N, C-alpha and C. Protein backbone atom coordinates (compact mmCIF):
# COMPACT_ATOMS: atom_id res chain seq x y z
N MET A 1 -35.59 10.65 -4.92
CA MET A 1 -34.55 9.68 -4.63
C MET A 1 -33.49 10.35 -3.75
N GLY A 2 -33.16 9.74 -2.63
CA GLY A 2 -32.19 10.30 -1.70
C GLY A 2 -30.77 10.09 -2.19
N PRO A 3 -29.82 10.64 -1.46
CA PRO A 3 -28.42 10.48 -1.85
C PRO A 3 -28.01 9.01 -1.81
N ARG A 4 -27.16 8.65 -2.76
CA ARG A 4 -26.68 7.27 -2.82
C ARG A 4 -25.30 7.19 -2.20
N THR A 5 -25.05 6.12 -1.51
CA THR A 5 -23.73 5.92 -0.94
C THR A 5 -22.78 5.41 -2.01
N PHE A 6 -21.49 5.49 -1.72
CA PHE A 6 -20.47 5.01 -2.65
C PHE A 6 -20.71 3.55 -3.00
N LEU A 7 -20.98 2.73 -1.99
CA LEU A 7 -21.19 1.30 -2.23
C LEU A 7 -22.42 1.06 -3.09
N SER A 8 -23.52 1.76 -2.80
CA SER A 8 -24.72 1.55 -3.62
C SER A 8 -24.48 2.02 -5.05
N GLU A 9 -23.68 3.05 -5.22
CA GLU A 9 -23.33 3.51 -6.56
C GLU A 9 -22.55 2.43 -7.30
N LEU A 10 -21.59 1.84 -6.62
CA LEU A 10 -20.82 0.75 -7.24
C LEU A 10 -21.71 -0.45 -7.54
N GLN A 11 -22.63 -0.77 -6.62
CA GLN A 11 -23.54 -1.88 -6.86
C GLN A 11 -24.46 -1.59 -8.04
N GLY A 12 -24.88 -0.34 -8.16
CA GLY A 12 -25.72 0.05 -9.30
C GLY A 12 -24.98 -0.12 -10.61
N ILE A 13 -23.72 0.26 -10.63
CA ILE A 13 -22.91 0.06 -11.83
C ILE A 13 -22.77 -1.42 -12.10
N SER A 14 -22.51 -2.19 -11.05
CA SER A 14 -22.32 -3.63 -11.18
C SER A 14 -23.56 -4.31 -11.73
N GLU A 15 -24.73 -3.90 -11.27
CA GLU A 15 -25.97 -4.51 -11.72
C GLU A 15 -26.22 -4.24 -13.20
N LYS A 16 -25.69 -3.15 -13.72
CA LYS A 16 -25.88 -2.81 -15.12
C LYS A 16 -24.98 -3.62 -16.04
N SER A 17 -23.96 -4.22 -15.48
CA SER A 17 -23.00 -4.96 -16.29
C SER A 17 -22.86 -6.37 -15.75
N SER A 18 -23.18 -7.36 -16.59
CA SER A 18 -23.05 -8.73 -16.12
C SER A 18 -21.59 -9.13 -15.96
N GLU A 19 -20.67 -8.38 -16.58
CA GLU A 19 -19.25 -8.72 -16.50
C GLU A 19 -18.58 -8.14 -15.26
N ALA A 20 -19.11 -7.08 -14.71
CA ALA A 20 -18.43 -6.39 -13.62
C ALA A 20 -19.11 -6.63 -12.29
N SER A 21 -18.33 -6.79 -11.27
CA SER A 21 -18.84 -6.85 -9.91
C SER A 21 -18.14 -5.75 -9.13
N VAL A 22 -18.62 -5.49 -7.93
CA VAL A 22 -17.97 -4.47 -7.10
C VAL A 22 -16.50 -4.83 -6.92
N ASN A 23 -16.21 -6.10 -6.68
CA ASN A 23 -14.82 -6.51 -6.51
C ASN A 23 -14.00 -6.25 -7.75
N ASP A 24 -14.56 -6.52 -8.93
CA ASP A 24 -13.84 -6.27 -10.17
C ASP A 24 -13.55 -4.78 -10.33
N LEU A 25 -14.50 -3.94 -9.96
CA LEU A 25 -14.31 -2.50 -10.10
C LEU A 25 -13.19 -1.98 -9.22
N LEU A 26 -12.96 -2.63 -8.10
CA LEU A 26 -11.93 -2.18 -7.18
C LEU A 26 -10.62 -2.97 -7.29
N THR A 27 -10.52 -3.85 -8.28
CA THR A 27 -9.28 -4.58 -8.50
C THR A 27 -8.52 -3.90 -9.63
N PRO A 28 -7.33 -3.38 -9.34
CA PRO A 28 -6.56 -2.68 -10.38
C PRO A 28 -6.23 -3.59 -11.56
N LYS A 29 -6.31 -3.02 -12.74
CA LYS A 29 -6.00 -3.74 -13.98
C LYS A 29 -4.62 -3.35 -14.51
N ARG A 30 -4.14 -2.17 -14.09
CA ARG A 30 -2.85 -1.66 -14.56
C ARG A 30 -2.08 -1.10 -13.37
N ILE A 31 -0.77 -1.04 -13.54
CA ILE A 31 0.11 -0.51 -12.49
C ILE A 31 1.29 0.17 -13.16
N PHE A 32 1.74 1.28 -12.58
CA PHE A 32 2.98 1.88 -13.06
C PHE A 32 3.87 2.23 -11.87
N PHE A 33 5.15 2.34 -12.17
CA PHE A 33 6.16 2.57 -11.14
C PHE A 33 6.84 3.90 -11.40
N THR A 34 7.07 4.65 -10.33
CA THR A 34 7.69 5.97 -10.45
C THR A 34 8.46 6.29 -9.18
N SER A 35 9.33 7.27 -9.27
CA SER A 35 10.10 7.69 -8.10
C SER A 35 10.48 9.15 -8.24
N GLY A 36 10.85 9.76 -7.12
CA GLY A 36 11.22 11.17 -7.16
C GLY A 36 11.95 11.62 -5.91
N THR A 37 12.58 12.79 -6.03
CA THR A 37 13.32 13.42 -4.94
C THR A 37 12.86 14.86 -4.79
N GLY A 38 12.75 15.32 -3.55
CA GLY A 38 12.43 16.72 -3.27
C GLY A 38 13.32 17.25 -2.16
N ARG A 39 13.75 18.51 -2.32
CA ARG A 39 14.57 19.17 -1.28
C ARG A 39 13.97 20.53 -0.99
N HIS A 40 13.90 20.86 0.30
CA HIS A 40 13.38 22.17 0.71
C HIS A 40 13.72 22.39 2.18
N LYS A 41 13.64 23.62 2.61
CA LYS A 41 13.90 23.91 4.04
C LYS A 41 12.77 23.40 4.92
N ASP A 42 11.60 23.14 4.33
CA ASP A 42 10.44 22.62 5.06
C ASP A 42 10.22 21.15 4.69
N GLU A 43 9.99 20.31 5.69
CA GLU A 43 9.82 18.87 5.47
C GLU A 43 8.63 18.56 4.56
N LEU A 44 7.48 19.18 4.83
CA LEU A 44 6.29 18.90 4.02
C LEU A 44 6.49 19.30 2.57
N VAL A 45 7.11 20.45 2.35
CA VAL A 45 7.35 20.90 0.98
C VAL A 45 8.32 19.95 0.27
N SER A 46 9.29 19.41 0.99
CA SER A 46 10.21 18.46 0.35
C SER A 46 9.45 17.22 -0.13
N PHE A 47 8.45 16.79 0.64
CA PHE A 47 7.62 15.66 0.21
C PHE A 47 6.81 16.02 -1.03
N GLU A 48 6.19 17.19 -1.04
CA GLU A 48 5.44 17.65 -2.21
C GLU A 48 6.33 17.68 -3.44
N LEU A 49 7.55 18.18 -3.29
CA LEU A 49 8.47 18.27 -4.42
C LEU A 49 8.90 16.88 -4.91
N ALA A 50 9.00 15.92 -4.00
CA ALA A 50 9.29 14.53 -4.40
C ALA A 50 8.12 13.96 -5.20
N LEU A 51 6.89 14.23 -4.75
CA LEU A 51 5.72 13.79 -5.50
C LEU A 51 5.70 14.41 -6.89
N ARG A 52 6.02 15.71 -6.98
CA ARG A 52 6.08 16.38 -8.28
C ARG A 52 7.13 15.75 -9.18
N ASP A 53 8.30 15.48 -8.61
CA ASP A 53 9.37 14.86 -9.39
C ASP A 53 8.93 13.50 -9.94
N ALA A 54 8.11 12.80 -9.17
CA ALA A 54 7.59 11.50 -9.60
C ALA A 54 6.38 11.62 -10.52
N GLY A 55 5.79 12.82 -10.60
CA GLY A 55 4.63 13.05 -11.47
C GLY A 55 3.30 12.68 -10.86
N ILE A 56 3.24 12.49 -9.54
CA ILE A 56 1.99 12.03 -8.92
C ILE A 56 1.46 12.99 -7.85
N GLU A 57 1.84 14.25 -7.94
CA GLU A 57 1.42 15.23 -6.94
C GLU A 57 -0.03 15.68 -7.06
N LYS A 58 -0.67 15.43 -8.19
CA LYS A 58 -2.03 15.95 -8.42
C LYS A 58 -3.13 15.04 -7.92
N TYR A 59 -2.76 13.94 -7.27
CA TYR A 59 -3.76 12.94 -6.89
C TYR A 59 -3.85 12.82 -5.38
N ASN A 60 -5.00 12.38 -4.90
CA ASN A 60 -5.19 12.07 -3.49
C ASN A 60 -4.76 10.62 -3.30
N LEU A 61 -3.53 10.46 -2.85
CA LEU A 61 -2.92 9.14 -2.77
C LEU A 61 -3.33 8.42 -1.49
N VAL A 62 -3.74 7.18 -1.65
CA VAL A 62 -4.11 6.32 -0.53
C VAL A 62 -3.14 5.14 -0.56
N THR A 63 -2.34 5.01 0.49
CA THR A 63 -1.38 3.90 0.50
C THR A 63 -2.07 2.61 0.93
N VAL A 64 -1.71 1.55 0.25
CA VAL A 64 -2.27 0.23 0.51
C VAL A 64 -1.13 -0.75 0.75
N SER A 65 -1.48 -1.96 1.16
CA SER A 65 -0.46 -2.97 1.46
C SER A 65 0.15 -3.52 0.18
N SER A 66 0.91 -4.55 0.30
CA SER A 66 1.90 -4.93 -0.70
C SER A 66 1.46 -6.00 -1.70
N ILE A 67 0.25 -5.99 -2.14
CA ILE A 67 -0.22 -7.01 -3.08
C ILE A 67 -0.18 -6.49 -4.51
N TYR A 68 0.47 -7.25 -5.40
CA TYR A 68 0.45 -6.99 -6.83
C TYR A 68 -0.74 -7.77 -7.37
N PRO A 69 -1.78 -7.09 -7.88
CA PRO A 69 -3.01 -7.79 -8.26
C PRO A 69 -2.81 -8.83 -9.38
N PRO A 70 -3.58 -9.91 -9.35
CA PRO A 70 -3.53 -10.89 -10.44
C PRO A 70 -3.88 -10.21 -11.77
N ARG A 71 -3.23 -10.65 -12.83
CA ARG A 71 -3.50 -10.18 -14.20
C ARG A 71 -3.32 -8.67 -14.36
N CYS A 72 -2.52 -8.06 -13.54
CA CYS A 72 -2.30 -6.62 -13.59
C CYS A 72 -1.17 -6.32 -14.58
N GLU A 73 -1.42 -5.40 -15.49
CA GLU A 73 -0.47 -5.06 -16.54
C GLU A 73 0.40 -3.88 -16.12
N VAL A 74 1.72 -4.04 -16.25
CA VAL A 74 2.64 -2.94 -16.00
C VAL A 74 2.61 -2.02 -17.21
N ILE A 75 2.37 -0.73 -16.95
CA ILE A 75 2.35 0.27 -18.03
C ILE A 75 3.39 1.34 -17.74
N ASP A 76 3.70 2.10 -18.76
CA ASP A 76 4.64 3.21 -18.66
C ASP A 76 4.06 4.31 -17.76
N VAL A 77 4.93 5.00 -17.04
CA VAL A 77 4.48 6.05 -16.12
C VAL A 77 3.66 7.12 -16.84
N ASN A 78 4.07 7.52 -18.04
CA ASN A 78 3.31 8.56 -18.76
C ASN A 78 1.93 8.07 -19.17
N GLU A 79 1.84 6.82 -19.59
CA GLU A 79 0.54 6.24 -19.92
C GLU A 79 -0.35 6.20 -18.68
N GLY A 80 0.23 5.81 -17.55
CA GLY A 80 -0.54 5.75 -16.31
C GLY A 80 -1.05 7.10 -15.88
N ILE A 81 -0.19 8.11 -15.92
CA ILE A 81 -0.60 9.46 -15.52
C ILE A 81 -1.72 9.97 -16.42
N ASN A 82 -1.66 9.63 -17.71
CA ASN A 82 -2.72 10.06 -18.64
C ASN A 82 -4.06 9.41 -18.36
N LEU A 83 -4.08 8.31 -17.62
CA LEU A 83 -5.33 7.63 -17.28
C LEU A 83 -5.97 8.19 -16.00
N LEU A 84 -5.27 9.08 -15.32
CA LEU A 84 -5.74 9.63 -14.04
C LEU A 84 -6.16 11.08 -14.19
N ASN A 85 -7.01 11.53 -13.27
CA ASN A 85 -7.49 12.91 -13.27
C ASN A 85 -7.04 13.63 -12.01
N PRO A 86 -6.69 14.92 -12.11
CA PRO A 86 -6.33 15.67 -10.90
C PRO A 86 -7.43 15.56 -9.84
N GLY A 87 -7.02 15.35 -8.61
CA GLY A 87 -7.96 15.22 -7.50
C GLY A 87 -8.50 13.82 -7.29
N GLN A 88 -8.24 12.92 -8.23
CA GLN A 88 -8.74 11.55 -8.14
C GLN A 88 -8.11 10.83 -6.95
N ILE A 89 -8.90 9.98 -6.29
CA ILE A 89 -8.36 9.11 -5.25
C ILE A 89 -7.63 7.98 -5.97
N VAL A 90 -6.35 7.83 -5.66
CA VAL A 90 -5.49 6.86 -6.34
C VAL A 90 -4.79 6.01 -5.30
N PHE A 91 -4.87 4.71 -5.47
CA PHE A 91 -4.22 3.78 -4.56
C PHE A 91 -2.77 3.54 -4.99
N CYS A 92 -1.89 3.42 -4.02
CA CYS A 92 -0.48 3.15 -4.34
C CYS A 92 0.20 2.44 -3.18
N VAL A 93 1.28 1.77 -3.51
CA VAL A 93 2.21 1.25 -2.51
C VAL A 93 3.40 2.20 -2.57
N MET A 94 3.75 2.82 -1.44
CA MET A 94 4.79 3.84 -1.46
C MET A 94 5.84 3.60 -0.38
N ALA A 95 7.09 3.76 -0.79
CA ALA A 95 8.22 3.81 0.14
C ALA A 95 8.66 5.26 0.20
N LYS A 96 8.89 5.78 1.40
CA LYS A 96 9.25 7.20 1.57
C LYS A 96 10.28 7.33 2.68
N LYS A 97 11.29 8.13 2.43
CA LYS A 97 12.28 8.44 3.46
C LYS A 97 12.57 9.93 3.41
N THR A 98 12.51 10.58 4.56
CA THR A 98 12.83 12.00 4.69
C THR A 98 13.92 12.16 5.75
N SER A 99 14.86 13.05 5.48
CA SER A 99 15.92 13.32 6.44
C SER A 99 16.42 14.75 6.28
N ASN A 100 16.95 15.30 7.36
CA ASN A 100 17.66 16.58 7.28
C ASN A 100 19.09 16.42 7.81
N GLU A 101 19.59 15.18 7.81
CA GLU A 101 20.97 14.90 8.23
C GLU A 101 21.89 15.13 7.03
N GLU A 102 22.32 16.38 6.91
CA GLU A 102 23.09 16.82 5.75
C GLU A 102 24.26 15.89 5.44
N GLY A 103 24.37 15.53 4.15
CA GLY A 103 25.46 14.70 3.67
C GLY A 103 25.19 13.20 3.68
N ARG A 104 24.18 12.76 4.40
CA ARG A 104 23.84 11.33 4.42
C ARG A 104 23.08 10.98 3.14
N GLU A 105 23.21 9.74 2.71
CA GLU A 105 22.48 9.28 1.52
C GLU A 105 21.29 8.45 1.96
N ILE A 106 20.12 8.78 1.42
CA ILE A 106 18.89 8.07 1.75
C ILE A 106 18.34 7.38 0.51
N PHE A 107 17.44 6.43 0.73
CA PHE A 107 16.84 5.71 -0.39
C PHE A 107 15.40 5.33 -0.07
N ALA A 108 14.65 5.10 -1.14
CA ALA A 108 13.31 4.51 -1.07
C ALA A 108 13.21 3.56 -2.26
N SER A 109 12.71 2.36 -2.02
CA SER A 109 12.67 1.35 -3.07
C SER A 109 11.38 0.53 -2.98
N ILE A 110 10.84 0.21 -4.14
CA ILE A 110 9.73 -0.74 -4.25
C ILE A 110 10.25 -1.92 -5.06
N GLY A 111 10.16 -3.11 -4.48
CA GLY A 111 10.51 -4.33 -5.18
C GLY A 111 9.25 -5.06 -5.58
N ALA A 112 9.30 -5.75 -6.72
CA ALA A 112 8.13 -6.50 -7.20
C ALA A 112 8.53 -7.94 -7.51
N ALA A 113 7.63 -8.86 -7.21
CA ALA A 113 7.81 -10.28 -7.53
C ALA A 113 6.51 -10.78 -8.16
N ILE A 114 6.61 -11.24 -9.40
CA ILE A 114 5.44 -11.64 -10.19
C ILE A 114 5.47 -13.16 -10.39
N PRO A 115 4.36 -13.86 -10.08
CA PRO A 115 4.32 -15.31 -10.29
C PRO A 115 4.08 -15.65 -11.76
N GLU A 116 4.45 -16.85 -12.15
CA GLU A 116 4.20 -17.29 -13.52
C GLU A 116 2.70 -17.43 -13.79
N ASN A 117 1.96 -17.94 -12.82
CA ASN A 117 0.52 -18.12 -12.95
C ASN A 117 -0.18 -16.77 -12.79
N PRO A 118 -0.79 -16.24 -13.87
CA PRO A 118 -1.39 -14.90 -13.79
C PRO A 118 -2.62 -14.82 -12.88
N SER A 119 -3.18 -15.96 -12.49
CA SER A 119 -4.33 -15.90 -11.59
C SER A 119 -3.92 -15.72 -10.13
N LEU A 120 -2.62 -15.86 -9.85
CA LEU A 120 -2.11 -15.61 -8.49
C LEU A 120 -1.69 -14.15 -8.36
N ASN A 121 -1.81 -13.63 -7.15
CA ASN A 121 -1.28 -12.29 -6.92
C ASN A 121 0.22 -12.37 -6.71
N GLY A 122 0.88 -11.28 -7.01
CA GLY A 122 2.30 -11.13 -6.71
C GLY A 122 2.46 -10.29 -5.46
N TYR A 123 3.69 -9.88 -5.22
CA TYR A 123 3.97 -9.07 -4.03
C TYR A 123 4.84 -7.87 -4.37
N LEU A 124 4.61 -6.80 -3.63
CA LEU A 124 5.41 -5.58 -3.69
C LEU A 124 6.02 -5.37 -2.31
N SER A 125 7.23 -4.88 -2.25
CA SER A 125 7.83 -4.59 -0.95
C SER A 125 8.29 -3.14 -0.91
N GLU A 126 8.14 -2.52 0.24
CA GLU A 126 8.62 -1.16 0.46
C GLU A 126 9.86 -1.25 1.34
N TYR A 127 10.92 -0.60 0.90
CA TYR A 127 12.17 -0.63 1.65
C TYR A 127 12.75 0.78 1.59
N MET A 128 13.10 1.34 2.76
CA MET A 128 13.63 2.69 2.78
C MET A 128 14.55 2.86 3.98
N GLY A 129 15.46 3.82 3.86
CA GLY A 129 16.38 4.07 4.96
C GLY A 129 17.60 4.84 4.51
N TYR A 130 18.69 4.64 5.25
CA TYR A 130 19.97 5.27 4.93
C TYR A 130 20.83 4.27 4.18
N CYS A 131 21.49 4.71 3.12
CA CYS A 131 22.34 3.83 2.32
C CYS A 131 23.55 3.40 3.13
N ASN A 132 23.89 2.12 3.00
CA ASN A 132 25.06 1.59 3.71
C ASN A 132 25.91 0.71 2.80
N GLY A 133 25.79 0.90 1.50
CA GLY A 133 26.60 0.14 0.56
C GLY A 133 25.93 -1.06 -0.06
N GLU A 134 24.79 -1.51 0.51
CA GLU A 134 24.12 -2.68 -0.06
C GLU A 134 23.36 -2.29 -1.33
N ASP A 135 23.03 -3.27 -2.14
CA ASP A 135 22.20 -3.06 -3.32
C ASP A 135 20.75 -3.04 -2.86
N VAL A 136 20.26 -1.85 -2.51
CA VAL A 136 18.93 -1.74 -1.89
C VAL A 136 17.81 -2.13 -2.85
N GLY A 137 17.98 -1.87 -4.14
CA GLY A 137 16.97 -2.27 -5.11
C GLY A 137 16.84 -3.78 -5.18
N ARG A 138 17.97 -4.44 -5.24
CA ARG A 138 17.97 -5.91 -5.28
C ARG A 138 17.37 -6.49 -4.00
N TYR A 139 17.70 -5.87 -2.86
CA TYR A 139 17.15 -6.36 -1.59
C TYR A 139 15.63 -6.21 -1.56
N SER A 140 15.10 -5.11 -2.11
CA SER A 140 13.64 -4.95 -2.13
C SER A 140 12.99 -6.02 -3.00
N GLU A 141 13.65 -6.41 -4.09
CA GLU A 141 13.16 -7.52 -4.92
C GLU A 141 13.17 -8.83 -4.14
N GLU A 142 14.25 -9.07 -3.41
CA GLU A 142 14.36 -10.30 -2.63
C GLU A 142 13.27 -10.39 -1.57
N MET A 143 12.94 -9.26 -0.94
CA MET A 143 11.86 -9.28 0.06
C MET A 143 10.53 -9.64 -0.59
N ALA A 144 10.24 -9.04 -1.76
CA ALA A 144 8.99 -9.36 -2.46
C ALA A 144 8.96 -10.83 -2.87
N ALA A 145 10.08 -11.33 -3.37
CA ALA A 145 10.16 -12.75 -3.77
C ALA A 145 9.95 -13.67 -2.57
N CYS A 146 10.50 -13.31 -1.43
CA CYS A 146 10.32 -14.10 -0.21
C CYS A 146 8.84 -14.18 0.18
N MET A 147 8.15 -13.04 0.08
CA MET A 147 6.71 -13.03 0.42
C MET A 147 5.92 -13.92 -0.54
N LEU A 148 6.25 -13.85 -1.84
CA LEU A 148 5.57 -14.69 -2.83
C LEU A 148 5.83 -16.16 -2.55
N GLU A 149 7.08 -16.52 -2.33
CA GLU A 149 7.44 -17.92 -2.09
C GLU A 149 6.79 -18.46 -0.82
N SER A 150 6.74 -17.65 0.23
CA SER A 150 6.15 -18.14 1.48
C SER A 150 4.63 -18.22 1.40
N ALA A 151 4.01 -17.42 0.53
CA ALA A 151 2.55 -17.45 0.38
C ALA A 151 2.08 -18.61 -0.49
N PHE A 152 2.78 -18.87 -1.59
CA PHE A 152 2.30 -19.84 -2.58
C PHE A 152 3.26 -21.00 -2.85
N GLY A 153 4.45 -20.95 -2.30
CA GLY A 153 5.42 -22.01 -2.55
C GLY A 153 5.97 -22.00 -3.96
N VAL A 154 5.93 -20.84 -4.62
CA VAL A 154 6.46 -20.73 -5.98
C VAL A 154 7.48 -19.59 -6.03
N LYS A 155 8.45 -19.77 -6.91
CA LYS A 155 9.42 -18.71 -7.14
C LYS A 155 8.84 -17.75 -8.18
N PRO A 156 9.21 -16.48 -8.11
CA PRO A 156 8.70 -15.53 -9.10
C PRO A 156 9.29 -15.79 -10.48
N VAL A 157 8.49 -15.51 -11.51
CA VAL A 157 8.97 -15.61 -12.88
C VAL A 157 9.72 -14.33 -13.24
N LYS A 158 9.41 -13.25 -12.51
CA LYS A 158 10.04 -11.96 -12.78
C LYS A 158 10.11 -11.15 -11.49
N THR A 159 11.25 -10.49 -11.28
CA THR A 159 11.38 -9.51 -10.21
C THR A 159 11.99 -8.25 -10.79
N PHE A 160 11.65 -7.12 -10.20
CA PHE A 160 12.23 -5.84 -10.61
C PHE A 160 12.03 -4.85 -9.47
N ASN A 161 12.65 -3.69 -9.60
CA ASN A 161 12.50 -2.66 -8.57
C ASN A 161 12.58 -1.28 -9.19
N ILE A 162 12.10 -0.32 -8.43
CA ILE A 162 12.34 1.09 -8.72
C ILE A 162 12.88 1.69 -7.44
N THR A 163 14.01 2.36 -7.56
CA THR A 163 14.72 2.87 -6.39
C THR A 163 15.14 4.31 -6.63
N GLU A 164 14.97 5.12 -5.62
CA GLU A 164 15.40 6.52 -5.65
C GLU A 164 16.39 6.73 -4.51
N LYS A 165 17.52 7.37 -4.83
CA LYS A 165 18.54 7.70 -3.83
C LYS A 165 18.87 9.18 -3.94
N ALA A 166 19.26 9.77 -2.81
CA ALA A 166 19.67 11.18 -2.82
C ALA A 166 20.55 11.46 -1.62
N VAL A 167 21.48 12.40 -1.81
CA VAL A 167 22.29 12.90 -0.70
C VAL A 167 21.51 14.05 -0.07
N VAL A 168 21.41 14.03 1.24
CA VAL A 168 20.57 14.98 1.98
C VAL A 168 21.19 16.38 1.98
N LYS A 169 20.33 17.35 1.64
CA LYS A 169 20.61 18.77 1.77
C LYS A 169 19.30 19.41 2.17
N ASP A 170 19.28 20.26 3.22
CA ASP A 170 18.04 20.75 3.81
C ASP A 170 17.21 19.52 4.21
N PHE A 171 15.88 19.62 4.09
CA PHE A 171 15.06 18.41 4.21
C PHE A 171 15.03 17.78 2.83
N THR A 172 15.34 16.52 2.76
CA THR A 172 15.31 15.78 1.50
C THR A 172 14.38 14.60 1.68
N THR A 173 13.48 14.43 0.70
CA THR A 173 12.56 13.30 0.69
C THR A 173 12.76 12.53 -0.60
N VAL A 174 12.85 11.22 -0.49
CA VAL A 174 12.85 10.34 -1.66
C VAL A 174 11.64 9.43 -1.55
N ILE A 175 11.01 9.19 -2.69
CA ILE A 175 9.87 8.27 -2.73
C ILE A 175 10.04 7.31 -3.90
N ALA A 176 9.47 6.14 -3.75
CA ALA A 176 9.29 5.18 -4.83
C ALA A 176 7.87 4.68 -4.68
N ALA A 177 7.15 4.56 -5.80
CA ALA A 177 5.74 4.19 -5.71
C ALA A 177 5.33 3.24 -6.83
N ALA A 178 4.46 2.32 -6.46
CA ALA A 178 3.74 1.48 -7.41
C ALA A 178 2.31 2.01 -7.41
N VAL A 179 1.90 2.62 -8.50
CA VAL A 179 0.61 3.30 -8.58
C VAL A 179 -0.38 2.39 -9.29
N LEU A 180 -1.49 2.09 -8.60
CA LEU A 180 -2.50 1.16 -9.09
C LEU A 180 -3.59 1.92 -9.84
N VAL A 181 -3.89 1.49 -11.05
CA VAL A 181 -4.90 2.15 -11.88
C VAL A 181 -6.09 1.21 -12.02
N LEU A 182 -7.26 1.68 -11.56
CA LEU A 182 -8.48 0.86 -11.62
C LEU A 182 -9.01 0.80 -13.04
């Protein structure tokens, strides 16, 4: 038997289970939210330190677009991390801002908008930049709610955000992430 491709492996798993399909296997069932800050004289290291601060540095992160999957359960960050393995490919929606403009305040925020109907998808928004006095967390929620309302004509039953802010020293990176657990 020759080597199997990723897709054929998934199809093989799917064929063994009448409940699972390839699409089901790739649709996240859980999600957790985390954020972090990193500072270093090197830009890349500041990003690594932000990932460490958020607890997600051990994974091969793949950023995806802003869809909150239907029927997806929000779990605690520690529970989510315990479900993942070092080196695992992990999908996430991430907001990231890096700067070396000493003294400026930067932010990264993920806003979420969840519909009342669990069979509909919700929306996540990434918002990042320099702080200017606005409530950036609330604005990220409003963006997600706008996307939900324009897609389905419904208002969200719940909105929330995770936001990280920091005053720049050396290279400073802030991240906020919605981490999807398959």
